[in-house]
Amino acid sequence: MTLDQLPIGQDARIVAVDWGVLVAEEAQRLRALGLDAGALVSVAHRGVFAGRDPLAITVGRMTVALRRVHARAMQVELAQVGPIPVGPA
């Protein structure tokens, strides 16, 4: 699934980004914000206007506004976030 399809509040990990569909400057800005493979993200809010842009994406403790076209370039998988098991397996 792509980041733009992720339900609000669901944690996911970015597994791949199609940097080729983005303008080089935009790709550089997204990388600088930490939106790259391996990042844990969630959708905090969707816009209310036509196209439901922008998306508010939480990355760590930061929230960034992201266009839907950029979120569509990011493949995500649902993250299993919870307590880490301790003790013998």
Protein backbone atom coordinates (compact mmCIF):
# COMPACT_ATOMS: atom_id res chain seq x y z
CA MET A 1 0.00 0.00 0.00
CA THR A 2 1.15 3.57 -0.48
CA LEU A 3 1.36 6.21 2.25
CA ASP A 4 -1.64 8.12 0.87
CA GLN A 5 -3.81 5.00 1.44
CA LEU A 6 -2.77 4.51 5.07
CA PRO A 7 -5.68 4.92 7.53
CA ILE A 8 -5.43 7.83 9.97
CA GLY A 9 -3.61 6.86 13.15
CA GLN A 10 -2.18 3.57 11.81
CA ASP A 11 1.58 3.20 12.25
CA ALA A 12 3.56 2.06 9.22
CA ARG A 13 7.13 1.75 8.06
CA ILE A 14 8.27 3.13 4.71
CA VAL A 15 9.71 0.19 2.77
CA ALA A 16 10.46 1.89 -0.57
CA VAL A 17 10.29 5.30 -2.20
CA ASP A 18 10.02 5.86 -5.96
CA TRP A 19 12.32 8.89 -6.05
CA GLY A 20 12.13 8.96 -9.86
CA VAL A 21 8.56 10.30 -9.86
CA LEU A 22 9.53 13.30 -7.70
CA VAL A 23 11.32 16.50 -8.65
CA ALA A 24 14.92 16.33 -7.38
CA GLU A 25 14.48 19.29 -4.99
CA GLU A 26 11.32 17.78 -3.53
CA ALA A 27 13.02 14.41 -3.06
CA GLN A 28 15.94 16.09 -1.29
CA ARG A 29 13.55 17.95 1.05
CA LEU A 30 11.64 14.76 1.91
CA ARG A 31 14.88 12.92 2.69
CA ALA A 32 16.00 15.82 4.90
CA LEU A 33 12.72 15.50 6.81
CA GLY A 34 13.39 11.80 7.41
CA LEU A 35 10.85 10.46 4.92
CA ASP A 36 12.93 7.62 3.53
CA ALA A 37 12.96 3.83 3.64
CA GLY A 38 12.89 2.55 7.22
CA ALA A 39 11.11 5.56 8.72
CA LEU A 40 8.15 4.94 11.04
CA VAL A 41 5.24 7.16 9.99
CA SER A 42 1.52 7.67 10.48
CA VAL A 43 -1.16 9.86 8.91
CA ALA A 44 -2.37 12.39 11.48
CA HIS A 45 -4.85 14.27 9.28
CA ARG A 46 -6.10 14.61 5.71
CA GLY A 47 -7.05 17.88 4.05
CA VAL A 48 -10.71 18.66 3.49
CA PHE A 49 -10.53 20.23 0.03
CA ALA A 50 -10.76 18.51 -3.36
CA GLY A 51 -8.14 15.78 -3.55
CA ARG A 52 -7.87 15.82 0.27
CA ASP A 53 -4.49 17.57 0.17
CA PRO A 54 -2.33 18.03 2.11
CA LEU A 55 -1.70 15.08 4.42
CA ALA A 56 -0.28 15.67 7.89
CA ILE A 57 2.32 12.93 8.38
CA THR A 58 3.93 12.15 11.72
CA VAL A 59 7.60 11.15 11.48
CA GLY A 60 9.06 10.52 14.92
CA ARG A 61 8.04 13.52 17.04
CA MET A 62 7.63 15.79 14.01
CA THR A 63 4.52 16.43 11.91
CA VAL A 64 4.99 17.48 8.29
CA ALA A 65 2.57 18.49 5.55
CA LEU A 66 2.87 16.28 2.51
CA ARG A 67 1.17 16.42 -0.87
CA ARG A 68 -0.77 13.32 -1.84
CA VAL A 69 1.37 12.87 -4.98
CA HIS A 70 4.47 12.61 -2.75
CA ALA A 71 2.77 10.17 -0.36
CA ARG A 72 1.74 8.05 -3.35
CA ALA A 73 5.44 7.55 -4.20
CA MET A 74 6.07 5.87 -0.81
CA GLN A 75 5.34 2.18 -0.27
CA VAL A 76 4.54 1.33 3.35
CA GLU A 77 3.82 -1.76 5.42
CA LEU A 78 1.84 -1.77 8.63
CA ALA A 79 4.08 -1.59 11.67
CA GLN A 80 3.70 -3.76 14.72
CA VAL A 81 4.29 -1.23 17.45
CA GLY A 82 3.90 -2.41 21.00
CA PRO A 83 5.77 -3.87 23.94
CA ILE A 84 8.92 -5.79 23.12
CA PRO A 85 8.73 -9.35 24.50
CA VAL A 86 11.29 -10.16 27.17
CA GLY A 87 12.51 -13.50 28.41
CA PRO A 88 13.14 -16.89 26.85
CA ALA A 89 11.57 -17.56 23.50
